[in-house]
PDB file of N, CA and C in Angstrom:
ATOM      1  N   UNK A   1      26.209 -84.924 -74.799  1.00  0.00           N
ATOM      2  CA  UNK A   1      26.792 -86.155 -75.277  1.00  0.00           C
ATOM      3  C   UNK A   1      28.022 -85.830 -76.107  1.00  0.00           C
ATOM      4  N   UNK A   2      28.980 -86.664 -75.926  1.00  0.00           N
ATOM      5  CA  UNK A   2      30.209 -86.460 -76.695  1.00  0.00           C
ATOM      6  C   UNK A   2      30.068 -87.150 -78.043  1.00  0.00           C
ATOM      7  N   UNK A   3      30.982 -86.846 -78.900  1.00  0.00           N
ATOM      8  CA  UNK A   3      30.961 -87.453 -80.231  1.00  0.00           C
ATOM      9  C   UNK A   3      31.089 -88.965 -80.146  1.00  0.00           C
ATOM     10  N   UNK A   4      31.901 -89.426 -79.226  1.00  0.00           N
ATOM     11  CA  UNK A   4      32.097 -90.871 -79.065  1.00  0.00           C
ATOM     12  C   UNK A   4      30.793 -91.536 -78.636  1.00  0.00           C
ATOM     13  N   UNK A   5      30.090 -90.891 -77.719  1.00  0.00           N
ATOM     14  CA  UNK A   5      28.813 -91.448 -77.245  1.00  0.00           C
ATOM     15  C   UNK A   5      27.777 -91.438 -78.371  1.00  0.00           C
ATOM     16  N   UNK A   6      27.776 -90.370 -79.139  1.00  0.00           N
ATOM     17  CA  UNK A   6      26.848 -90.302 -80.268  1.00  0.00           C
ATOM     18  C   UNK A   6      27.161 -91.382 -81.299  1.00  0.00           C
ATOM     19  N   UNK A   7      28.449 -91.558 -81.557  1.00  0.00           N
ATOM     20  CA  UNK A   7      28.851 -92.594 -82.503  1.00  0.00           C
ATOM     21  C   UNK A   7      28.472 -93.983 -81.988  1.00  0.00           C
ATOM     22  N   UNK A   8      28.647 -94.193 -80.683  1.00  0.00           N
ATOM     23  CA  UNK A   8      28.296 -95.494 -80.094  1.00  0.00           C
ATOM     24  C   UNK A   8      26.785 -95.729 -80.197  1.00  0.00           C
ATOM     25  N   UNK A   9      25.988 -94.695 -79.913  1.00  0.00           N
ATOM     26  CA  UNK A   9      24.531 -94.821 -80.008  1.00  0.00           C
ATOM     27  C   UNK A   9      24.127 -95.100 -81.452  1.00  0.00           C
ATOM     28  N   UNK A  10      24.757 -94.393 -82.383  1.00  0.00           N
ATOM     29  CA  UNK A  10      24.471 -94.606 -83.796  1.00  0.00           C
ATOM     30  C   UNK A  10      24.873 -96.019 -84.217  1.00  0.00           C
ATOM     31  N   UNK A  11      26.003 -96.496 -83.724  1.00  0.00           N
ATOM     32  CA  UNK A  11      26.472 -97.842 -84.027  1.00  0.00           C
ATOM     33  C   UNK A  11      25.483 -98.887 -83.500  1.00  0.00           C
ATOM     34  N   UNK A  12      25.017 -98.682 -82.263  1.00  0.00           N
ATOM     35  CA  UNK A  12      24.048 -99.613 -81.668  1.00  0.00           C
ATOM     36  C   UNK A  12      22.754 -99.645 -82.492  1.00  0.00           C
ATOM     37  N   UNK A  13      22.292 -98.476 -82.898  1.00  0.00           N
ATOM     38  CA  UNK A  13      21.084 -98.407 -83.725  1.00  0.00           C
ATOM     39  C   UNK A  13      21.294 -99.119 -85.064  1.00  0.00           C
ATOM     40  N   UNK A  14      22.461 -98.950 -85.647  1.00  0.00           N
ATOM     41  CA  UNK A  14      22.763 -99.596 -86.924  1.00  0.00           C
ATOM     42  C   UNK A  14      22.819-101.117 -86.765  1.00  0.00           C
ATOM     43  N   UNK A  15      23.312-101.585 -85.627  1.00  0.00           N
ATOM     44  CA  UNK A  15      23.346-103.031 -85.375  1.00  0.00           C
ATOM     45  C   UNK A  15      21.924-103.592 -85.313  1.00  0.00           C
ATOM     46  N   UNK A  16      21.034-102.836 -84.670  1.00  0.00           N
ATOM     47  CA  UNK A  16      19.632-103.252 -84.597  1.00  0.00           C
ATOM     48  C   UNK A  16      19.026-103.295 -85.994  1.00  0.00           C
ATOM     49  N   UNK A  17      19.320-102.279 -86.796  1.00  0.00           N
ATOM     50  CA  UNK A  17      18.813-102.240 -88.168  1.00  0.00           C
ATOM     51  C   UNK A  17      19.372-103.428 -88.960  1.00  0.00           C
ATOM     52  N   UNK A  18      20.659-103.734 -88.784  1.00  0.00           N
ATOM     53  CA  UNK A  18      21.271-104.871 -89.474  1.00  0.00           C
ATOM     54  C   UNK A  18      20.577-106.178 -89.095  1.00  0.00           C
ATOM     55  N   UNK A  19      20.303-106.350 -87.813  1.00  0.00           N
ATOM     56  CA  UNK A  19      19.621-107.567 -87.352  1.00  0.00           C
ATOM     57  C   UNK A  19      18.224-107.673 -87.974  1.00  0.00           C
ATOM     58  N   UNK A  20      17.537-106.530 -88.006  1.00  0.00           N
ATOM     59  CA  UNK A  20      16.198-106.527 -88.606  1.00  0.00           C
ATOM     60  C   UNK A  20      16.255-106.851 -90.102  1.00  0.00           C
ATOM     61  N   UNK A  21      17.231-106.280 -90.785  1.00  0.00           N
ATOM     62  CA  UNK A  21      17.388-106.536 -92.217  1.00  0.00           C
ATOM     63  C   UNK A  21      17.739-108.009 -92.441  1.00  0.00           C
ATOM     64  N   UNK A  22      18.586-108.564 -91.588  1.00  0.00           N
ATOM     65  CA  UNK A  22      18.936-109.981 -91.692  1.00  0.00           C
ATOM     66  C   UNK A  22      17.709-110.856 -91.517  1.00  0.00           C
ATOM     67  N   UNK A  23      16.909-110.507 -90.533  1.00  0.00           N
ATOM     68  CA  UNK A  23      15.674-111.256 -90.287  1.00  0.00           C
ATOM     69  C   UNK A  23      14.746-111.163 -91.497  1.00  0.00           C
ATOM     70  N   UNK A  24      14.631-109.970 -92.056  1.00  0.00           N
ATOM     71  CA  UNK A  24      13.795-109.780 -93.248  1.00  0.00           C
ATOM     72  C   UNK A  24      14.342-110.571 -94.433  1.00  0.00           C
ATOM     73  N   UNK A  25      15.666-110.607 -94.574  1.00  0.00           N
ATOM     74  CA  UNK A  25      16.279-111.378 -95.661  1.00  0.00           C
ATOM     75  C   UNK A  25      15.922-112.860 -95.544  1.00  0.00           C
ATOM     76  N   UNK A  26      15.971-113.391 -94.331  1.00  0.00           N
ATOM     77  CA  UNK A  26      15.622-114.805 -94.129  1.00  0.00           C
ATOM     78  C   UNK A  26      14.157-115.056 -94.474  1.00  0.00           C
ATOM     79  N   UNK A  27      13.300-114.146 -94.045  1.00  0.00           N
ATOM     80  CA  UNK A  27      11.867-114.307 -94.319  1.00  0.00           C
ATOM     81  C   UNK A  27      11.579-114.206 -95.816  1.00  0.00           C
ATOM     82  N   UNK A  28      12.216-113.255 -96.481  1.00  0.00           N
ATOM     83  CA  UNK A  28      12.029-113.096 -97.927  1.00  0.00           C
ATOM     84  C   UNK A  28      12.553-114.331 -98.658  1.00  0.00           C
ATOM     85  N   UNK A  29      13.673-114.858 -98.204  1.00  0.00           N
ATOM     86  CA  UNK A  29      14.233-116.065 -98.810  1.00  0.00           C
ATOM     87  C   UNK A  29      13.257-117.234 -98.674  1.00  0.00           C
ATOM     88  N   UNK A  30      12.659-117.352 -97.508  1.00  0.00           N
ATOM     89  CA  UNK A  30      11.664-118.405 -97.276  1.00  0.00           C
ATOM     90  C   UNK A  30      10.456-118.213 -98.193  1.00  0.00           C
ATOM     91  N   UNK A  31      10.007-116.973 -98.327  1.00  0.00           N
ATOM     92  CA  UNK A  31       8.884-116.676 -99.224  1.00  0.00           C
ATOM     93  C   UNK A  31       9.232-117.005-100.675  1.00  0.00           C
ATOM     94  N   UNK A  32      10.453-116.699-101.079  1.00  0.00           N
ATOM     95  CA  UNK A  32      10.873-116.993-102.450  1.00  0.00           C
ATOM     96  C   UNK A  32      10.844-118.495-102.715  1.00  0.00           C
ATOM     97  N   UNK A  33      11.272-119.285-101.721  1.00  0.00           N
ATOM     98  CA  UNK A  33      11.223-120.742-101.869  1.00  0.00           C
ATOM     99  C   UNK A  33       9.778-121.211-102.018  1.00  0.00           C
ATOM    100  N   UNK A  34       8.898-120.644-101.200  1.00  0.00           N
ATOM    101  CA  UNK A  34       7.481-121.015-101.282  1.00  0.00           C
ATOM    102  C   UNK A  34       6.889-120.620-102.633  1.00  0.00           C
ATOM    103  N   UNK A  35       7.229-119.436-103.102  1.00  0.00           N
ATOM    104  CA  UNK A  35       6.719-118.951-104.386  1.00  0.00           C
ATOM    105  C   UNK A  35       7.247-119.826-105.525  1.00  0.00           C
ATOM    106  N   UNK A  36       8.474-120.325-105.391  1.00  0.00           N
ATOM    107  CA  UNK A  36       9.048-121.188-106.429  1.00  0.00           C
ATOM    108  C   UNK A  36       8.271-122.499-106.550  1.00  0.00           C
ATOM    109  N   UNK A  37       7.606-122.918-105.480  1.00  0.00           N
ATOM    110  CA  UNK A  37       6.829-124.169-105.497  1.00  0.00           C
ATOM    111  C   UNK A  37       5.468-124.003-106.177  1.00  0.00           C
ATOM    112  N   UNK A  38       5.010-122.789-106.345  1.00  0.00           N
ATOM    113  CA  UNK A  38       3.662-122.539-106.873  1.00  0.00           C
ATOM    114  C   UNK A  38       3.445-123.146-108.263  1.00  0.00           C
ATOM    115  N   UNK A  39       4.355-123.000-109.230  1.00  0.00           N
ATOM    116  CA  UNK A  39       4.090-123.594-110.553  1.00  0.00           C
ATOM    117  C   UNK A  39       3.883-125.112-110.499  1.00  0.00           C
ATOM    118  N   UNK A  40       4.687-125.807-109.685  1.00  0.00           N
ATOM    119  CA  UNK A  40       4.505-127.261-109.614  1.00  0.00           C
ATOM    120  C   UNK A  40       3.178-127.605-108.941  1.00  0.00           C
ATOM    121  N   UNK A  41       2.772-126.802-107.970  1.00  0.00           N
ATOM    122  CA  UNK A  41       1.471-127.029-107.334  1.00  0.00           C
ATOM    123  C   UNK A  41       0.337-126.779-108.324  1.00  0.00           C
ATOM    124  N   UNK A  42       0.469-125.742-109.127  1.00  0.00           N
ATOM    125  CA  UNK A  42      -0.547-125.462-110.146  1.00  0.00           C
ATOM    126  C   UNK A  42      -0.635-126.621-111.137  1.00  0.00           C
ATOM    127  N   UNK A  43       0.513-127.179-111.507  1.00  0.00           N
ATOM    128  CA  UNK A  43       0.531-128.302-112.440  1.00  0.00           C
ATOM    129  C   UNK A  43      -0.192-129.502-111.825  1.00  0.00           C
ATOM    130  N   UNK A  44       0.095-129.785-110.557  1.00  0.00           N
ATOM    131  CA  UNK A  44      -0.557-130.909-109.885  1.00  0.00           C
ATOM    132  C   UNK A  44      -2.066-130.691-109.796  1.00  0.00           C
ATOM    133  N   UNK A  45      -2.467-129.468-109.504  1.00  0.00           N
ATOM    134  CA  UNK A  45      -3.901-129.156-109.416  1.00  0.00           C
ATOM    135  C   UNK A  45      -4.564-129.366-110.771  1.00  0.00           C
ATOM    136  N   UNK A  46      -3.904-128.932-111.840  1.00  0.00           N
ATOM    137  CA  UNK A  46      -4.452-129.136-113.187  1.00  0.00           C
ATOM    138  C   UNK A  46      -4.571-130.620-113.512  1.00  0.00           C
ATOM    139  N   UNK A  47      -3.561-131.408-113.119  1.00  0.00           N
ATOM    140  CA  UNK A  47      -3.606-132.849-113.365  1.00  0.00           C
ATOM    141  C   UNK A  47      -4.768-133.490-112.613  1.00  0.00           C
ATOM    142  N   UNK A  48      -4.949-133.098-111.365  1.00  0.00           N
ATOM    143  CA  UNK A  48      -6.054-133.635-110.562  1.00  0.00           C
ATOM    144  C   UNK A  48      -7.384-133.232-111.178  1.00  0.00           C
ATOM    145  N   UNK A  49      -7.481-131.997-111.596  1.00  0.00           N
ATOM    146  CA  UNK A  49      -8.714-131.510-112.217  1.00  0.00           C
ATOM    147  C   UNK A  49      -9.029-132.290-113.490  1.00  0.00           C
ATOM    148  N   UNK A  50      -8.023-132.531-114.310  1.00  0.00           N
ATOM    149  CA  UNK A  50      -8.233-133.302-115.536  1.00  0.00           C
ATOM    150  C   UNK A  50      -8.635-134.740-115.221  1.00  0.00           C
ATOM    151  N   UNK A  51      -8.015-135.322-114.205  1.00  0.00           N
ATOM    152  CA  UNK A  51      -8.379-136.681-113.803  1.00  0.00           C
ATOM    153  C   UNK A  51      -9.830-136.727-113.370  1.00  0.00           C
ATOM    154  N   UNK A  52     -10.231-135.755-112.578  1.00  0.00           N
ATOM    155  CA  UNK A  52     -11.628-135.703-112.145  1.00  0.00           C
ATOM    156  C   UNK A  52     -12.556-135.572-113.337  1.00  0.00           C
ATOM    157  N   UNK A  53     -12.204-134.678-114.227  1.00  0.00           N
ATOM    158  CA  UNK A  53     -13.070-134.402-115.377  1.00  0.00           C
ATOM    159  C   UNK A  53     -13.139-135.585-116.334  1.00  0.00           C
ATOM    160  N   UNK A  54     -11.993-136.184-116.632  1.00  0.00           N
ATOM    161  CA  UNK A  54     -11.943-137.212-117.672  1.00  0.00           C
ATOM    162  C   UNK A  54     -12.225-138.622-117.171  1.00  0.00           C
ATOM    163  N   UNK A  55     -11.867-138.914-115.940  1.00  0.00           N
ATOM    164  CA  UNK A  55     -12.004-140.283-115.460  1.00  0.00           C
ATOM    165  C   UNK A  55     -13.086-140.426-114.402  1.00  0.00           C
ATOM    166  N   UNK A  56     -12.932-139.706-113.325  1.00  0.00           N
ATOM    167  CA  UNK A  56     -13.842-139.888-112.198  1.00  0.00           C
ATOM    168  C   UNK A  56     -15.273-139.529-112.567  1.00  0.00           C
ATOM    169  N   UNK A  57     -15.469-138.374-113.167  1.00  0.00           N
ATOM    170  CA  UNK A  57     -16.827-137.970-113.541  1.00  0.00           C
ATOM    171  C   UNK A  57     -17.432-138.946-114.550  1.00  0.00           C
ATOM    172  N   UNK A  58     -16.613-139.425-115.479  1.00  0.00           N
ATOM    173  CA  UNK A  58     -17.087-140.391-116.478  1.00  0.00           C
ATOM    174  C   UNK A  58     -17.504-141.687-115.796  1.00  0.00           C
ATOM    175  N   UNK A  59     -16.686-142.158-114.866  1.00  0.00           N
ATOM    176  CA  UNK A  59     -17.008-143.398-114.156  1.00  0.00           C
ATOM    177  C   UNK A  59     -18.260-143.248-113.305  1.00  0.00           C
ATOM    178  N   UNK A  60     -18.426-142.108-112.687  1.00  0.00           N
ATOM    179  CA  UNK A  60     -19.642-141.859-111.897  1.00  0.00           C
ATOM    180  C   UNK A  60     -20.858-141.887-112.812  1.00  0.00           C
ATOM    181  N   UNK A  61     -20.727-141.310-113.991  1.00  0.00           N
ATOM    182  CA  UNK A  61     -21.839-141.307-114.952  1.00  0.00           C
ATOM    183  C   UNK A  61     -22.189-142.734-115.368  1.00  0.00           C
ATOM    184  N   UNK A  62     -21.177-143.554-115.621  1.00  0.00           N
ATOM    185  CA  UNK A  62     -21.411-144.951-116.005  1.00  0.00           C
ATOM    186  C   UNK A  62     -22.129-145.697-114.884  1.00  0.00           C
ATOM    187  N   UNK A  63     -21.689-145.497-113.659  1.00  0.00           N
ATOM    188  CA  UNK A  63     -22.329-146.148-112.511  1.00  0.00           C
ATOM    189  C   UNK A  63     -23.771-145.681-112.375  1.00  0.00           C
ATOM    190  N   UNK A  64     -23.992-144.390-112.542  1.00  0.00           N
ATOM    191  CA  UNK A  64     -25.358-143.850-112.432  1.00  0.00           C
ATOM    192  C   UNK A  64     -26.262-144.452-113.506  1.00  0.00           C
ATOM    193  N   UNK A  65     -25.745-144.589-114.720  1.00  0.00           N
ATOM    194  CA  UNK A  65     -26.536-145.198-115.790  1.00  0.00           C
ATOM    195  C   UNK A  65     -26.862-146.647-115.457  1.00  0.00           C
ATOM    196  N   UNK A  66     -25.889-147.360-114.884  1.00  0.00           N
ATOM    197  CA  UNK A  66     -26.123-148.741-114.472  1.00  0.00           C
ATOM    198  C   UNK A  66     -27.199-148.836-113.409  1.00  0.00           C
ATOM    199  N   UNK A  67     -27.165-147.917-112.460  1.00  0.00           N
ATOM    200  CA  UNK A  67     -28.190-147.903-111.412  1.00  0.00           C
ATOM    201  C   UNK A  67     -29.566-147.601-112.002  1.00  0.00           C
ATOM    202  N   UNK A  68     -29.610-146.732-112.977  1.00  0.00           N
ATOM    203  CA  UNK A  68     -30.884-146.408-113.621  1.00  0.00           C
ATOM    204  C   UNK A  68     -31.450-147.644-114.317  1.00  0.00           C
ATOM    205  N   UNK A  69     -30.578-148.382-115.022  1.00  0.00           N
ATOM    206  CA  UNK A  69     -31.028-149.617-115.676  1.00  0.00           C
ATOM    207  C   UNK A  69     -31.523-150.629-114.648  1.00  0.00           C
ATOM    208  N   UNK A  70     -30.793-150.773-113.550  1.00  0.00           N
ATOM    209  CA  UNK A  70     -31.218-151.700-112.495  1.00  0.00           C
ATOM    210  C   UNK A  70     -32.556-151.283-111.906  1.00  0.00           C
ATOM    211  N   UNK A  71     -32.743-150.000-111.732  1.00  0.00           N
ATOM    212  CA  UNK A  71     -34.006-149.496-111.184  1.00  0.00           C
ATOM    213  C   UNK A  71     -35.163-149.816-112.125  1.00  0.00           C
ATOM    214  N   UNK A  72     -34.946-149.629-113.416  1.00  0.00           N
ATOM    215  CA  UNK A  72     -35.991-149.950-114.401  1.00  0.00           C
ATOM    216  C   UNK A  72     -36.327-151.440-114.372  1.00  0.00           C
ATOM    217  N   UNK A  73     -35.280-152.269-114.331  1.00  0.00           N
ATOM    218  CA  UNK A  73     -35.502-153.717-114.301  1.00  0.00           C
ATOM    219  C   UNK A  73     -36.238-154.126-113.029  1.00  0.00           C
ATOM    220  N   UNK A  74     -35.885-153.506-111.908  1.00  0.00           N
ATOM    221  CA  UNK A  74     -36.570-153.801-110.648  1.00  0.00           C
ATOM    222  C   UNK A  74     -38.043-153.432-110.752  1.00  0.00           C
ATOM    223  N   UNK A  75     -38.337-152.268-111.309  1.00  0.00           N
ATOM    224  CA  UNK A  75     -39.734-151.847-111.471  1.00  0.00           C
ATOM    225  C   UNK A  75     -40.498-152.809-112.378  1.00  0.00           C
ATOM    226  N   UNK A  76     -39.852-153.258-113.456  1.00  0.00           N
ATOM    227  CA  UNK A  76     -40.491-154.230-114.349  1.00  0.00           C
ATOM    228  C   UNK A  76     -40.756-155.543-113.615  1.00  0.00           C
ATOM    229  N   UNK A  77     -39.781-155.984-112.820  1.00  0.00           N
ATOM    230  CA  UNK A  77     -39.936-157.235-112.070  1.00  0.00           C
ATOM    231  C   UNK A  77     -41.052-157.126-111.047  1.00  0.00           C
ATOM    232  N   UNK A  78     -41.138-155.995-110.380  1.00  0.00           N
ATOM    233  CA  UNK A  78     -42.204-155.790-109.394  1.00  0.00           C
ATOM    234  C   UNK A  78     -43.559-155.821-110.086  1.00  0.00           C
ATOM    235  N   UNK A  79     -43.653-155.171-111.239  1.00  0.00           N
ATOM    236  CA  UNK A  79     -44.916-155.158-111.983  1.00  0.00           C
ATOM    237  C   UNK A  79     -45.290-156.574-112.409  1.00  0.00           C
ATOM    238  N   UNK A  80     -44.323-157.322-112.946  1.00  0.00           N
ATOM    239  CA  UNK A  80     -44.564-158.695-113.378  1.00  0.00           C
ATOM    240  C   UNK A  80     -44.958-159.567-112.194  1.00  0.00           C
ATOM    241  N   UNK A  81     -44.283-159.380-111.078  1.00  0.00           N
ATOM    242  CA  UNK A  81     -44.600-160.141-109.867  1.00  0.00           C
ATOM    243  C   UNK A  81     -46.031-159.864-109.416  1.00  0.00           C
ATOM    244  N   UNK A  82     -46.453-158.624-109.485  1.00  0.00           N
ATOM    245  CA  UNK A  82     -47.825-158.263-109.109  1.00  0.00           C
ATOM    246  C   UNK A  82     -48.824-158.921-110.048  1.00  0.00           C
ATOM    247  N   UNK A  83     -48.504-158.938-111.336  1.00  0.00           N
ATOM    248  CA  UNK A  83     -49.395-159.569-112.314  1.00  0.00           C
ATOM    249  C   UNK A  83     -49.492-161.072-112.066  1.00  0.00           C
ATOM    250  N   UNK A  84     -48.364-161.707-111.778  1.00  0.00           N
ATOM    251  CA  UNK A  84     -48.351-163.147-111.504  1.00  0.00           C
ATOM    252  C   UNK A  84     -49.151-163.447-110.245  1.00  0.00           C
ATOM    253  N   UNK A  85     -48.978-162.622-109.222  1.00  0.00           N
ATOM    254  CA  UNK A  85     -49.718-162.821-107.972  1.00  0.00           C
ATOM    255  C   UNK A  85     -51.223-162.685-108.209  1.00  0.00           C
ATOM    256  N   UNK A  86     -51.614-161.706-108.991  1.00  0.00           N
ATOM    257  CA  UNK A  86     -53.034-161.516-109.296  1.00  0.00           C
ATOM    258  C   UNK A  86     -53.569-162.728-110.052  1.00  0.00           C
ATOM    259  N   UNK A  87     -52.782-163.245-110.987  1.00  0.00           N
ATOM    260  CA  UNK A  87     -53.189-164.430-111.744  1.00  0.00           C
ATOM    261  C   UNK A  87     -53.315-165.642-110.831  1.00  0.00           C
ATOM    262  N   UNK A  88     -52.381-165.783-109.893  1.00  0.00           N
ATOM    263  CA  UNK A  88     -52.433-166.899-108.944  1.00  0.00           C
ATOM    264  C   UNK A  88     -53.701-166.822-108.096  1.00  0.00           C
ATOM    265  N   UNK A  89     -54.047-165.624-107.687  1.00  0.00           N
ATOM    266  CA  UNK A  89     -55.265-165.458-106.892  1.00  0.00           C
ATOM    267  C   UNK A  89     -56.493-165.868-107.698  1.00  0.00           C
ATOM    268  N   UNK A  90     -56.534-165.488-108.979  1.00  0.00           N
ATOM    269  CA  UNK A  90     -57.648-165.893-109.843  1.00  0.00           C
ATOM    270  C   UNK A  90     -57.687-167.412-110.001  1.00  0.00           C
ATOM    271  N   UNK A  91     -56.524-168.019-110.187  1.00  0.00           N
ATOM    272  CA  UNK A  91     -56.457-169.474-110.321  1.00  0.00           C
ATOM    273  C   UNK A  91     -56.942-170.149-109.042  1.00  0.00           C
ATOM    274  N   UNK A  92     -56.548-169.589-107.901  1.00  0.00           N
ATOM    275  CA  UNK A  92     -57.000-170.148-106.616  1.00  0.00           C
ATOM    276  C   UNK A  92     -58.516-170.067-106.501  1.00  0.00           C
ATOM    277  N   UNK A  93     -59.084-168.956-106.941  1.00  0.00           N
ATOM    278  CA  UNK A  93     -60.548-168.796-106.898  1.00  0.00           C
ATOM    279  C   UNK A  93     -61.205-169.829-107.802  1.00  0.00           C
ATOM    280  N   UNK A  94     -60.691-170.027-109.029  1.00  0.00           N
ATOM    281  CA  UNK A  94     -61.249-171.014-109.953  1.00  0.00           C
ATOM    282  C   UNK A  94     -61.131-172.424-109.377  1.00  0.00           C
ATOM    283  N   UNK A  95     -59.978-172.735-108.796  1.00  0.00           N
ATOM    284  CA  UNK A  95     -59.771-174.068-108.221  1.00  0.00           C
ATOM    285  C   UNK A  95     -60.750-174.313-107.086  1.00  0.00           C
ATOM    286  N   UNK A  96     -60.919-173.322-106.223  1.00  0.00           N
ATOM    287  CA  UNK A  96     -61.869-173.461-105.115  1.00  0.00           C
ATOM    288  C   UNK A  96     -63.290-173.654-105.644  1.00  0.00           C
ATOM    289  N   UNK A  97     -63.630-172.904-106.683  1.00  0.00           N
ATOM    290  CA  UNK A  97     -64.970-173.031-107.267  1.00  0.00           C
ATOM    291  C   UNK A  97     -65.159-174.422-107.863  1.00  0.00           C
ATOM    292  N   UNK A  98     -64.178-174.933-108.578  1.00  0.00           N
ATOM    293  CA  UNK A  98     -64.280-176.269-109.168  1.00  0.00           C
ATOM    294  C   UNK A  98     -64.318-177.350-108.087  1.00  0.00           C
ATOM    295  N   UNK A  99     -63.557-177.147-107.012  1.00  0.00           N
ATOM    296  CA  UNK A  99     -63.583-178.098-105.891  1.00  0.00           C
ATOM    297  C   UNK A  99     -64.973-178.170-105.290  1.00  0.00           C
ATOM    298  N   UNK A 100     -65.616-177.020-105.123  1.00  0.00           N
ATOM    299  CA  UNK A 100     -66.971-176.995-104.577  1.00  0.00           C
ATOM    300  C   UNK A 100     -67.938-177.721-105.511  1.00  0.00           C
ATOM    301  N   UNK A 101     -67.756-177.493-106.809  1.00  0.00           N
ATOM    302  CA  UNK A 101     -68.633-178.153-107.784  1.00  0.00           C
ATOM    303  C   UNK A 101     -68.423-179.666-107.764  1.00  0.00           C
ATOM    304  N   UNK A 102     -67.168-180.094-107.614  1.00  0.00           N
ATOM    305  CA  UNK A 102     -66.885-181.524-107.572  1.00  0.00           C
ATOM    306  C   UNK A 102     -67.452-182.168-106.310  1.00  0.00           C
ATOM    307  N   UNK A 103     -67.439-181.445-105.216  1.00  0.00           N
ATOM    308  CA  UNK A 103     -67.973-181.971-103.961  1.00  0.00           C
ATOM    309  C   UNK A 103     -69.480-182.120-104.035  1.00  0.00           C
ATOM    310  N   UNK A 104     -70.108-181.300-104.844  1.00  0.00           N
ATOM    311  CA  UNK A 104     -71.559-181.355-104.989  1.00  0.00           C
ATOM    312  C   UNK A 104     -71.935-182.658-105.701  1.00  0.00           C
ATOM    313  N   UNK A 105     -71.180-183.096-106.626  1.00  0.00           N
ATOM    314  CA  UNK A 105     -71.488-184.317-107.381  1.00  0.00           C
ATOM    315  C   UNK A 105     -71.238-185.488-106.543  1.00  0.00           C
TER     316      UNK A 105
END
């Protein structure tokens, strides 16, 4: 190979290296832009986390407490309803007994 051919081969190789470096520069630039967005994303995540902790979780707790109160009231109502039904049955028995006694007279 002559010096000119060697220089041409070296030049071609350098062009390939330049293209690769250019490609890497673009990729690194893109990565830098993405990395620059990280602090704002962290801030948004912290805000969401605080909202969940301070508002959403608190509201869920309030709703759960309300459901617990409703459940207790429902249980009390069911118990009272059962007692009233039992009393009605006793009254029906007494009424039937008195009706029989009245029919005898």
